[in-house]
Amino acid sequence: MADYTPNRWILDEIAANRKWMVEMMDGMPTECLTSCSKEIESLRAELAKRTDERDEARRSVCEQEAQDCFLMPDELGKGTIVNTPQMEASRRGWDCFKDNA
């Protein structure tokens, strides 16, 4: 459930209601379907833009945290580990470096 985001919820709802949506759209005027299609594409573009902005902000947080805690004691106190931005993102459960992998 930790990976369940609002974006994932939207996609799940679309998948769950696809059959109903296809049946509902059968017989709709072409103009309405075209308008709906354009709106869907607009929403997809907005979602991609917002996801990119979120990931940029998350990367910034991870980079700052890694810089502040570059050398951290390990859990057993036997040495130090290097904290990288990617490690910080992984610790937080974020996938903001997915494009940089």
PDB file of N, CA and C in Angstrom:
ATOM      1  N   MET A   1       0.824  -1.201   0.000  1.00  0.00           N
ATOM      2  CA  MET A   1       0.000   0.000   0.000  1.00  0.00           C
ATOM      3  C   MET A   1       0.859   1.252   0.000  1.00  0.00           C
ATOM      4  N   ALA A   2       2.148   1.147   0.380  1.00  0.00           N
ATOM      5  CA  ALA A   2       3.024   2.308   0.445  1.00  0.00           C
ATOM      6  C   ALA A   2       3.257   2.915  -0.932  1.00  0.00           C
ATOM      7  N   ASP A   3       3.154   2.093  -1.971  1.00  0.00           N
ATOM      8  CA  ASP A   3       3.396   2.571  -3.331  1.00  0.00           C
ATOM      9  C   ASP A   3       2.114   3.096  -3.974  1.00  0.00           C
ATOM     10  N   TYR A   4       1.027   3.215  -3.205  1.00  0.00           N
ATOM     11  CA  TYR A   4      -0.262   3.614  -3.749  1.00  0.00           C
ATOM     12  C   TYR A   4      -0.381   5.128  -3.713  1.00  0.00           C
ATOM     13  N   THR A   5      -0.207   5.751  -4.866  1.00  0.00           N
ATOM     14  CA  THR A   5      -0.260   7.198  -4.967  1.00  0.00           C
ATOM     15  C   THR A   5      -1.572   7.622  -5.612  1.00  0.00           C
ATOM     16  N   PRO A   6      -1.921   8.922  -5.540  1.00  0.00           N
ATOM     17  CA  PRO A   6      -3.128   9.387  -6.242  1.00  0.00           C
ATOM     18  C   PRO A   6      -3.078   9.072  -7.731  1.00  0.00           C
ATOM     19  N   ASN A   7      -1.901   9.168  -8.342  1.00  0.00           N
ATOM     20  CA  ASN A   7      -1.771   8.859  -9.765  1.00  0.00           C
ATOM     21  C   ASN A   7      -2.109   7.395 -10.022  1.00  0.00           C
ATOM     22  N   ARG A   8      -1.629   6.505  -9.162  1.00  0.00           N
ATOM     23  CA  ARG A   8      -1.903   5.070  -9.292  1.00  0.00           C
ATOM     24  C   ARG A   8      -3.390   4.827  -9.131  1.00  0.00           C
ATOM     25  N   TRP A   9      -4.032   5.538  -8.207  1.00  0.00           N
ATOM     26  CA  TRP A   9      -5.460   5.391  -7.980  1.00  0.00           C
ATOM     27  C   TRP A   9      -6.239   5.747  -9.240  1.00  0.00           C
ATOM     28  N   ILE A  10      -5.860   6.838  -9.895  1.00  0.00           N
ATOM     29  CA  ILE A  10      -6.545   7.258 -11.128  1.00  0.00           C
ATOM     30  C   ILE A  10      -6.429   6.171 -12.185  1.00  0.00           C
ATOM     31  N   LEU A  11      -5.226   5.639 -12.375  1.00  0.00           N
ATOM     32  CA  LEU A  11      -5.024   4.601 -13.374  1.00  0.00           C
ATOM     33  C   LEU A  11      -5.815   3.338 -13.033  1.00  0.00           C
ATOM     34  N   ASP A  12      -5.869   2.977 -11.766  1.00  0.00           N
ATOM     35  CA  ASP A  12      -6.646   1.805 -11.341  1.00  0.00           C
ATOM     36  C   ASP A  12      -8.131   2.008 -11.599  1.00  0.00           C
ATOM     37  N   GLU A  13      -8.625   3.210 -11.327  1.00  0.00           N
ATOM     38  CA  GLU A  13     -10.038   3.509 -11.569  1.00  0.00           C
ATOM     39  C   GLU A  13     -10.370   3.429 -13.057  1.00  0.00           C
ATOM     40  N   ILE A  14      -9.497   3.944 -13.902  1.00  0.00           N
ATOM     41  CA  ILE A  14      -9.719   3.878 -15.349  1.00  0.00           C
ATOM     42  C   ILE A  14      -9.776   2.422 -15.794  1.00  0.00           C
ATOM     43  N   ALA A  15      -8.828   1.618 -15.313  1.00  0.00           N
ATOM     44  CA  ALA A  15      -8.801   0.205 -15.696  1.00  0.00           C
ATOM     45  C   ALA A  15     -10.063  -0.515 -15.213  1.00  0.00           C
ATOM     46  N   ALA A  16     -10.488  -0.232 -14.007  1.00  0.00           N
ATOM     47  CA  ALA A  16     -11.659  -0.903 -13.436  1.00  0.00           C
ATOM     48  C   ALA A  16     -12.947  -0.527 -14.167  1.00  0.00           C
ATOM     49  N   ASN A  17     -12.988   0.677 -14.689  1.00  0.00           N
ATOM     50  CA  ASN A  17     -14.216   1.166 -15.322  1.00  0.00           C
ATOM     51  C   ASN A  17     -14.142   1.196 -16.838  1.00  0.00           C
ATOM     52  N   ARG A  18     -13.136   0.564 -17.402  1.00  0.00           N
ATOM     53  CA  ARG A  18     -12.930   0.633 -18.860  1.00  0.00           C
ATOM     54  C   ARG A  18     -14.123   0.087 -19.633  1.00  0.00           C
ATOM     55  N   LYS A  19     -14.622  -1.087 -19.241  1.00  0.00           N
ATOM     56  CA  LYS A  19     -15.750  -1.690 -19.964  1.00  0.00           C
ATOM     57  C   LYS A  19     -16.957  -0.765 -19.917  1.00  0.00           C
ATOM     58  N   TRP A  20     -17.248  -0.247 -18.746  1.00  0.00           N
ATOM     59  CA  TRP A  20     -18.379   0.668 -18.613  1.00  0.00           C
ATOM     60  C   TRP A  20     -18.184   1.901 -19.485  1.00  0.00           C
ATOM     61  N   MET A  21     -16.952   2.420 -19.511  1.00  0.00           N
ATOM     62  CA  MET A  21     -16.677   3.623 -20.301  1.00  0.00           C
ATOM     63  C   MET A  21     -16.854   3.348 -21.796  1.00  0.00           C
ATOM     64  N   VAL A  22     -16.396   2.179 -22.257  1.00  0.00           N
ATOM     65  CA  VAL A  22     -16.540   1.838 -23.673  1.00  0.00           C
ATOM     66  C   VAL A  22     -18.016   1.725 -24.033  1.00  0.00           C
ATOM     67  N   GLU A  23     -18.800   1.052 -23.178  1.00  0.00           N
ATOM     68  CA  GLU A  23     -20.235   0.923 -23.437  1.00  0.00           C
ATOM     69  C   GLU A  23     -20.930   2.282 -23.421  1.00  0.00           C
ATOM     70  N   MET A  24     -20.527   3.141 -22.500  1.00  0.00           N
ATOM     71  CA  MET A  24     -21.132   4.459 -22.399  1.00  0.00           C
ATOM     72  C   MET A  24     -20.824   5.302 -23.637  1.00  0.00           C
ATOM     73  N   MET A  25     -19.587   5.165 -24.143  1.00  0.00           N
ATOM     74  CA  MET A  25     -19.177   5.993 -25.275  1.00  0.00           C
ATOM     75  C   MET A  25     -19.749   5.496 -26.599  1.00  0.00           C
ATOM     76  N   ASP A  26     -20.192   4.243 -26.649  1.00  0.00           N
ATOM     77  CA  ASP A  26     -20.770   3.707 -27.879  1.00  0.00           C
ATOM     78  C   ASP A  26     -22.020   4.505 -28.232  1.00  0.00           C
ATOM     79  N   GLY A  27     -22.002   5.122 -29.364  1.00  0.00           N
ATOM     80  CA  GLY A  27     -23.140   5.926 -29.795  1.00  0.00           C
ATOM     81  C   GLY A  27     -23.007   7.402 -29.465  1.00  0.00           C
ATOM     82  N   MET A  28     -21.957   7.796 -28.778  1.00  0.00           N
ATOM     83  CA  MET A  28     -21.754   9.221 -28.497  1.00  0.00           C
ATOM     84  C   MET A  28     -21.353   9.935 -29.784  1.00  0.00           C
ATOM     85  N   PRO A  29     -21.721  11.178 -29.916  1.00  0.00           N
ATOM     86  CA  PRO A  29     -21.306  11.928 -31.094  1.00  0.00           C
ATOM     87  C   PRO A  29     -19.777  12.008 -31.191  1.00  0.00           C
ATOM     88  N   THR A  30     -19.280  12.000 -32.400  1.00  0.00           N
ATOM     89  CA  THR A  30     -17.838  12.044 -32.646  1.00  0.00           C
ATOM     90  C   THR A  30     -17.208  13.277 -32.005  1.00  0.00           C
ATOM     91  N   GLU A  31     -17.902  14.401 -32.034  1.00  0.00           N
ATOM     92  CA  GLU A  31     -17.359  15.631 -31.459  1.00  0.00           C
ATOM     93  C   GLU A  31     -17.095  15.466 -29.958  1.00  0.00           C
ATOM     94  N   CYS A  32     -18.012  14.782 -29.295  1.00  0.00           N
ATOM     95  CA  CYS A  32     -17.866  14.563 -27.851  1.00  0.00           C
ATOM     96  C   CYS A  32     -16.672  13.658 -27.570  1.00  0.00           C
ATOM     97  N   LEU A  33     -16.541  12.590 -28.358  1.00  0.00           N
ATOM     98  CA  LEU A  33     -15.413  11.683 -28.171  1.00  0.00           C
ATOM     99  C   LEU A  33     -14.097  12.387 -28.443  1.00  0.00           C
ATOM    100  N   THR A  34     -14.063  13.226 -29.467  1.00  0.00           N
ATOM    101  CA  THR A  34     -12.845  13.978 -29.783  1.00  0.00           C
ATOM    102  C   THR A  34     -12.497  14.925 -28.644  1.00  0.00           C
ATOM    103  N   SER A  35     -13.511  15.596 -28.120  1.00  0.00           N
ATOM    104  CA  SER A  35     -13.302  16.508 -27.002  1.00  0.00           C
ATOM    105  C   SER A  35     -12.792  15.749 -25.775  1.00  0.00           C
ATOM    106  N   CYS A  36     -13.388  14.596 -25.502  1.00  0.00           N
ATOM    107  CA  CYS A  36     -12.946  13.775 -24.370  1.00  0.00           C
ATOM    108  C   CYS A  36     -11.507  13.316 -24.573  1.00  0.00           C
ATOM    109  N   SER A  37     -11.194  12.916 -25.776  1.00  0.00           N
ATOM    110  CA  SER A  37      -9.843  12.445 -26.083  1.00  0.00           C
ATOM    111  C   SER A  37      -8.824  13.557 -25.870  1.00  0.00           C
ATOM    112  N   LYS A  38      -9.158  14.753 -26.305  1.00  0.00           N
ATOM    113  CA  LYS A  38      -8.249  15.889 -26.116  1.00  0.00           C
ATOM    114  C   LYS A  38      -8.073  16.203 -24.631  1.00  0.00           C
ATOM    115  N   GLU A  39      -9.151  16.109 -23.875  1.00  0.00           N
ATOM    116  CA  GLU A  39      -9.074  16.375 -22.435  1.00  0.00           C
ATOM    117  C   GLU A  39      -8.213  15.323 -21.738  1.00  0.00           C
ATOM    118  N   ILE A  40      -8.372  14.075 -22.136  1.00  0.00           N
ATOM    119  CA  ILE A  40      -7.559  13.004 -21.555  1.00  0.00           C
ATOM    120  C   ILE A  40      -6.083  13.251 -21.841  1.00  0.00           C
ATOM    121  N   GLU A  41      -5.751  13.606 -23.068  1.00  0.00           N
ATOM    122  CA  GLU A  41      -4.356  13.886 -23.416  1.00  0.00           C
ATOM    123  C   GLU A  41      -3.820  15.075 -22.628  1.00  0.00           C
ATOM    124  N   SER A  42      -4.654  16.085 -22.438  1.00  0.00           N
ATOM    125  CA  SER A  42      -4.256  17.247 -21.652  1.00  0.00           C
ATOM    126  C   SER A  42      -3.981  16.849 -20.201  1.00  0.00           C
ATOM    127  N   LEU A  43      -4.846  16.010 -19.640  1.00  0.00           N
ATOM    128  CA  LEU A  43      -4.653  15.547 -18.265  1.00  0.00           C
ATOM    129  C   LEU A  43      -3.405  14.672 -18.136  1.00  0.00           C
ATOM    130  N   ARG A  44      -3.137  13.847 -19.127  1.00  0.00           N
ATOM    131  CA  ARG A  44      -1.923  13.021 -19.102  1.00  0.00           C
ATOM    132  C   ARG A  44      -0.678  13.906 -19.124  1.00  0.00           C
ATOM    133  N   ALA A  45      -0.703  14.939 -19.958  1.00  0.00           N
ATOM    134  CA  ALA A  45       0.441  15.858 -20.025  1.00  0.00           C
ATOM    135  C   ALA A  45       0.625  16.585 -18.697  1.00  0.00           C
ATOM    136  N   GLU A  46      -0.478  17.020 -18.091  1.00  0.00           N
ATOM    137  CA  GLU A  46      -0.414  17.697 -16.789  1.00  0.00           C
ATOM    138  C   GLU A  46       0.121  16.748 -15.717  1.00  0.00           C
ATOM    139  N   LEU A  47      -0.319  15.502 -15.741  1.00  0.00           N
ATOM    140  CA  LEU A  47       0.160  14.509 -14.778  1.00  0.00           C
ATOM    141  C   LEU A  47       1.663  14.280 -14.942  1.00  0.00           C
ATOM    142  N   ALA A  48       2.126  14.172 -16.171  1.00  0.00           N
ATOM    143  CA  ALA A  48       3.562  13.982 -16.425  1.00  0.00           C
ATOM    144  C   ALA A  48       4.356  15.183 -15.931  1.00  0.00           C
ATOM    145  N   LYS A  49       3.825  16.385 -16.172  1.00  0.00           N
ATOM    146  CA  LYS A  49       4.503  17.608 -15.730  1.00  0.00           C
ATOM    147  C   LYS A  49       4.592  17.650 -14.206  1.00  0.00           C
ATOM    148  N   ARG A  50       3.482  17.350 -13.532  1.00  0.00           N
ATOM    149  CA  ARG A  50       3.463  17.369 -12.063  1.00  0.00           C
ATOM    150  C   ARG A  50       4.381  16.291 -11.479  1.00  0.00           C
ATOM    151  N   THR A  51       4.427  15.128 -12.117  1.00  0.00           N
ATOM    152  CA  THR A  51       5.314  14.054 -11.663  1.00  0.00           C
ATOM    153  C   THR A  51       6.766  14.481 -11.799  1.00  0.00           C
ATOM    154  N   ASP A  52       7.100  15.121 -12.924  1.00  0.00           N
ATOM    155  CA  ASP A  52       8.470  15.621 -13.116  1.00  0.00           C
ATOM    156  C   ASP A  52       8.834  16.658 -12.060  1.00  0.00           C
ATOM    157  N   GLU A  53       7.893  17.565 -11.756  1.00  0.00           N
ATOM    158  CA  GLU A  53       8.142  18.586 -10.737  1.00  0.00           C
ATOM    159  C   GLU A  53       8.331  17.946  -9.364  1.00  0.00           C
ATOM    160  N   ARG A  54       7.507  16.956  -9.047  1.00  0.00           N
ATOM    161  CA  ARG A  54       7.629  16.252  -7.769  1.00  0.00           C
ATOM    162  C   ARG A  54       8.977  15.559  -7.666  1.00  0.00           C
ATOM    163  N   ASP A  55       9.371  14.865  -8.738  1.00  0.00           N
ATOM    164  CA  ASP A  55      10.644  14.148  -8.722  1.00  0.00           C
ATOM    165  C   ASP A  55      11.822  15.109  -8.604  1.00  0.00           C
ATOM    166  N   GLU A  56      11.734  16.255  -9.254  1.00  0.00           N
ATOM    167  CA  GLU A  56      12.796  17.261  -9.139  1.00  0.00           C
ATOM    168  C   GLU A  56      12.929  17.743  -7.694  1.00  0.00           C
ATOM    169  N   ALA A  57      11.797  17.996  -7.049  1.00  0.00           N
ATOM    170  CA  ALA A  57      11.826  18.440  -5.650  1.00  0.00           C
ATOM    171  C   ALA A  57      12.375  17.337  -4.745  1.00  0.00           C
ATOM    172  N   ARG A  58      11.970  16.110  -5.006  1.00  0.00           N
ATOM    173  CA  ARG A  58      12.476  14.995  -4.202  1.00  0.00           C
ATOM    174  C   ARG A  58      13.977  14.809  -4.391  1.00  0.00           C
ATOM    175  N   ARG A  59      14.456  14.936  -5.643  1.00  0.00           N
ATOM    176  CA  ARG A  59      15.897  14.820  -5.885  1.00  0.00           C
ATOM    177  C   ARG A  59      16.657  15.901  -5.131  1.00  0.00           C
ATOM    178  N   SER A  60      16.114  17.098  -5.105  1.00  0.00           N
ATOM    179  CA  SER A  60      16.749  18.197  -4.389  1.00  0.00           C
ATOM    180  C   SER A  60      16.865  17.878  -2.900  1.00  0.00           C
ATOM    181  N   VAL A  61      15.790  17.341  -2.320  1.00  0.00           N
ATOM    182  CA  VAL A  61      15.813  16.957  -0.904  1.00  0.00           C
ATOM    183  C   VAL A  61      16.865  15.885  -0.670  1.00  0.00           C
ATOM    184  N   CYS A  62      16.902  14.880  -1.536  1.00  0.00           N
ATOM    185  CA  CYS A  62      17.865  13.783  -1.377  1.00  0.00           C
ATOM    186  C   CYS A  62      19.301  14.275  -1.527  1.00  0.00           C
ATOM    187  N   GLU A  63      19.534  15.173  -2.468  1.00  0.00           N
ATOM    188  CA  GLU A  63      20.880  15.712  -2.652  1.00  0.00           C
ATOM    189  C   GLU A  63      21.323  16.512  -1.442  1.00  0.00           C
ATOM    190  N   GLN A  64      20.422  17.316  -0.870  1.00  0.00           N
ATOM    191  CA  GLN A  64      20.747  18.098   0.315  1.00  0.00           C
ATOM    192  C   GLN A  64      20.995  17.192   1.513  1.00  0.00           C
ATOM    193  N   GLU A  65      20.139  16.196   1.699  1.00  0.00           N
ATOM    194  CA  GLU A  65      20.294  15.273   2.816  1.00  0.00           C
ATOM    195  C   GLU A  65      21.601  14.483   2.688  1.00  0.00           C
ATOM    196  N   ALA A  66      21.929  14.056   1.481  1.00  0.00           N
ATOM    197  CA  ALA A  66      23.177  13.307   1.274  1.00  0.00           C
ATOM    198  C   ALA A  66      24.382  14.200   1.552  1.00  0.00           C
ATOM    199  N   GLN A  67      24.294  15.461   1.189  1.00  0.00           N
ATOM    200  CA  GLN A  67      25.392  16.400   1.433  1.00  0.00           C
ATOM    201  C   GLN A  67      25.543  16.650   2.939  1.00  0.00           C
ATOM    202  N   ASP A  68      24.421  16.807   3.634  1.00  0.00           N
ATOM    203  CA  ASP A  68      24.461  17.064   5.074  1.00  0.00           C
ATOM    204  C   ASP A  68      24.950  15.846   5.857  1.00  0.00           C
ATOM    205  N   CYS A  69      24.676  14.668   5.355  1.00  0.00           N
ATOM    206  CA  CYS A  69      25.018  13.427   6.074  1.00  0.00           C
ATOM    207  C   CYS A  69      25.929  12.564   5.219  1.00  0.00           C
ATOM    208  N   PHE A  70      26.929  13.160   4.602  1.00  0.00           N
ATOM    209  CA  PHE A  70      27.788  12.417   3.676  1.00  0.00           C
ATOM    210  C   PHE A  70      28.408  11.206   4.350  1.00  0.00           C
ATOM    211  N   LEU A  71      28.954  11.400   5.533  1.00  0.00           N
ATOM    212  CA  LEU A  71      29.511  10.279   6.285  1.00  0.00           C
ATOM    213  C   LEU A  71      28.662  10.079   7.529  1.00  0.00           C
ATOM    214  N   MET A  72      28.033   8.941   7.612  1.00  0.00           N
ATOM    215  CA  MET A  72      27.153   8.649   8.733  1.00  0.00           C
ATOM    216  C   MET A  72      27.647   7.389   9.433  1.00  0.00           C
ATOM    217  N   PRO A  73      27.494   7.302  10.748  1.00  0.00           N
ATOM    218  CA  PRO A  73      27.849   6.044  11.421  1.00  0.00           C
ATOM    219  C   PRO A  73      26.886   4.953  10.979  1.00  0.00           C
ATOM    220  N   ASP A  74      27.407   3.750  10.805  1.00  0.00           N
ATOM    221  CA  ASP A  74      26.514   2.658  10.462  1.00  0.00           C
ATOM    222  C   ASP A  74      25.691   2.263  11.683  1.00  0.00           C
ATOM    223  N   GLU A  75      24.738   1.390  11.486  1.00  0.00           N
ATOM    224  CA  GLU A  75      23.815   1.033  12.561  1.00  0.00           C
ATOM    225  C   GLU A  75      24.507   0.353  13.742  1.00  0.00           C
ATOM    226  N   LEU A  76      25.614  -0.303  13.485  1.00  0.00           N
ATOM    227  CA  LEU A  76      26.321  -1.004  14.557  1.00  0.00           C
ATOM    228  C   LEU A  76      27.417  -0.157  15.192  1.00  0.00           C
ATOM    229  N   GLY A  77      27.645   1.045  14.661  1.00  0.00           N
ATOM    230  CA  GLY A  77      28.669   1.925  15.195  1.00  0.00           C
ATOM    231  C   GLY A  77      30.085   1.474  14.875  1.00  0.00           C
ATOM    232  N   LYS A  78      30.248   0.639  13.883  1.00  0.00           N
ATOM    233  CA  LYS A  78      31.561   0.090  13.555  1.00  0.00           C
ATOM    234  C   LYS A  78      32.252   0.811  12.407  1.00  0.00           C
ATOM    235  N   GLY A  79      31.704   1.866  11.941  1.00  0.00           N
ATOM    236  CA  GLY A  79      32.335   2.558  10.832  1.00  0.00           C
ATOM    237  C   GLY A  79      31.394   3.587  10.256  1.00  0.00           C
ATOM    238  N   THR A  80      31.676   3.991   9.062  1.00  0.00           N
ATOM    239  CA  THR A  80      30.834   4.985   8.413  1.00  0.00           C
ATOM    240  C   THR A  80      30.401   4.466   7.053  1.00  0.00           C
ATOM    241  N   ILE A  81      29.284   4.953   6.643  1.00  0.00           N
ATOM    242  CA  ILE A  81      28.813   4.665   5.297  1.00  0.00           C
ATOM    243  C   ILE A  81      28.643   5.986   4.569  1.00  0.00           C
ATOM    244  N   VAL A  82      28.799   5.941   3.286  1.00  0.00           N
ATOM    245  CA  VAL A  82      28.607   7.139   2.473  1.00  0.00           C
ATOM    246  C   VAL A  82      27.143   7.195   2.070  1.00  0.00           C
ATOM    247  N   ASN A  83      26.521   8.328   2.281  1.00  0.00           N
ATOM    248  CA  ASN A  83      25.121   8.515   1.919  1.00  0.00           C
ATOM    249  C   ASN A  83      25.060   9.265   0.596  1.00  0.00           C
ATOM    250  N   THR A  84      24.547   8.618  -0.438  1.00  0.00           N
ATOM    251  CA  THR A  84      24.392   9.265  -1.740  1.00  0.00           C
ATOM    252  C   THR A  84      22.933   9.694  -1.913  1.00  0.00           C
ATOM    253  N   PRO A  85      22.670  10.601  -2.836  1.00  0.00           N
ATOM    254  CA  PRO A  85      21.272  10.974  -3.077  1.00  0.00           C
ATOM    255  C   PRO A  85      20.397   9.768  -3.445  1.00  0.00           C
ATOM    256  N   GLN A  86      20.953   8.839  -4.222  1.00  0.00           N
ATOM    257  CA  GLN A  86      20.187   7.658  -4.605  1.00  0.00           C
ATOM    258  C   GLN A  86      19.879   6.782  -3.389  1.00  0.00           C
ATOM    259  N   MET A  87      20.843   6.670  -2.464  1.00  0.00           N
ATOM    260  CA  MET A  87      20.612   5.900  -1.247  1.00  0.00           C
ATOM    261  C   MET A  87      19.528   6.562  -0.397  1.00  0.00           C
ATOM    262  N   GLU A  88      19.561   7.876  -0.325  1.00  0.00           N
ATOM    263  CA  GLU A  88      18.558   8.603   0.462  1.00  0.00           C
ATOM    264  C   GLU A  88      17.165   8.407  -0.136  1.00  0.00           C
ATOM    265  N   ALA A  89      17.085   8.474  -1.468  1.00  0.00           N
ATOM    266  CA  ALA A  89      15.791   8.260  -2.119  1.00  0.00           C
ATOM    267  C   ALA A  89      15.279   6.854  -1.840  1.00  0.00           C
ATOM    268  N   SER A  90      16.171   5.880  -1.899  1.00  0.00           N
ATOM    269  CA  SER A  90      15.786   4.497  -1.620  1.00  0.00           C
ATOM    270  C   SER A  90      15.321   4.349  -0.178  1.00  0.00           C
ATOM    271  N   ARG A  91      16.015   4.987   0.759  1.00  0.00           N
ATOM    272  CA  ARG A  91      15.642   4.925   2.169  1.00  0.00           C
ATOM    273  C   ARG A  91      14.243   5.488   2.391  1.00  0.00           C
ATOM    274  N   ARG A  92      13.901   6.522   1.633  1.00  0.00           N
ATOM    275  CA  ARG A  92      12.589   7.159   1.764  1.00  0.00           C
ATOM    276  C   ARG A  92      11.508   6.460   0.944  1.00  0.00           C
ATOM    277  N   GLY A  93      11.913   5.521   0.097  1.00  0.00           N
ATOM    278  CA  GLY A  93      10.935   4.820  -0.737  1.00  0.00           C
ATOM    279  C   GLY A  93      10.521   5.615  -1.965  1.00  0.00           C
ATOM    280  N   TRP A  94      11.367   6.541  -2.393  1.00  0.00           N
ATOM    281  CA  TRP A  94      11.087   7.380  -3.563  1.00  0.00           C
ATOM    282  C   TRP A  94      11.784   6.808  -4.784  1.00  0.00           C
ATOM    283  N   ASP A  95      11.189   6.997  -5.945  1.00  0.00           N
ATOM    284  CA  ASP A  95      11.800   6.561  -7.192  1.00  0.00           C
ATOM    285  C   ASP A  95      12.164   7.749  -8.089  1.00  0.00           C
ATOM    286  N   CYS A  96      12.579   8.844  -7.462  1.00  0.00           N
ATOM    287  CA  CYS A  96      12.829  10.087  -8.203  1.00  0.00           C
ATOM    288  C   CYS A  96      14.088  10.034  -9.070  1.00  0.00           C
ATOM    289  N   PHE A  97      14.925   9.018  -8.925  1.00  0.00           N
ATOM    290  CA  PHE A  97      16.107   8.881  -9.757  1.00  0.00           C
ATOM    291  C   PHE A  97      15.924   7.812 -10.826  1.00  0.00           C
ATOM    292  N   LYS A  98      14.683   7.417 -11.097  1.00  0.00           N
ATOM    293  CA  LYS A  98      14.416   6.333 -12.036  1.00  0.00           C
ATOM    294  C   LYS A  98      14.914   6.641 -13.448  1.00  0.00           C
ATOM    295  N   ASP A  99      14.865   7.909 -13.862  1.00  0.00           N
ATOM    296  CA  ASP A  99      15.329   8.293 -15.199  1.00  0.00           C
ATOM    297  C   ASP A  99      16.844   8.308 -15.288  1.00  0.00           C
ATOM    298  N   ASN A 100      17.522   8.405 -14.150  1.00  0.00           N
ATOM    299  CA  ASN A 100      18.975   8.518 -14.125  1.00  0.00           C
ATOM    300  C   ASN A 100      19.660   7.169 -13.895  1.00  0.00           C
ATOM    301  N   ALA A 101      18.869   6.106 -13.840  1.00  0.00           N
ATOM    302  CA  ALA A 101      19.438   4.785 -13.530  1.00  0.00           C
ATOM    303  C   ALA A 101      20.235   4.243 -14.698  1.00  0.00           C
TER     304      ALA A 101
END
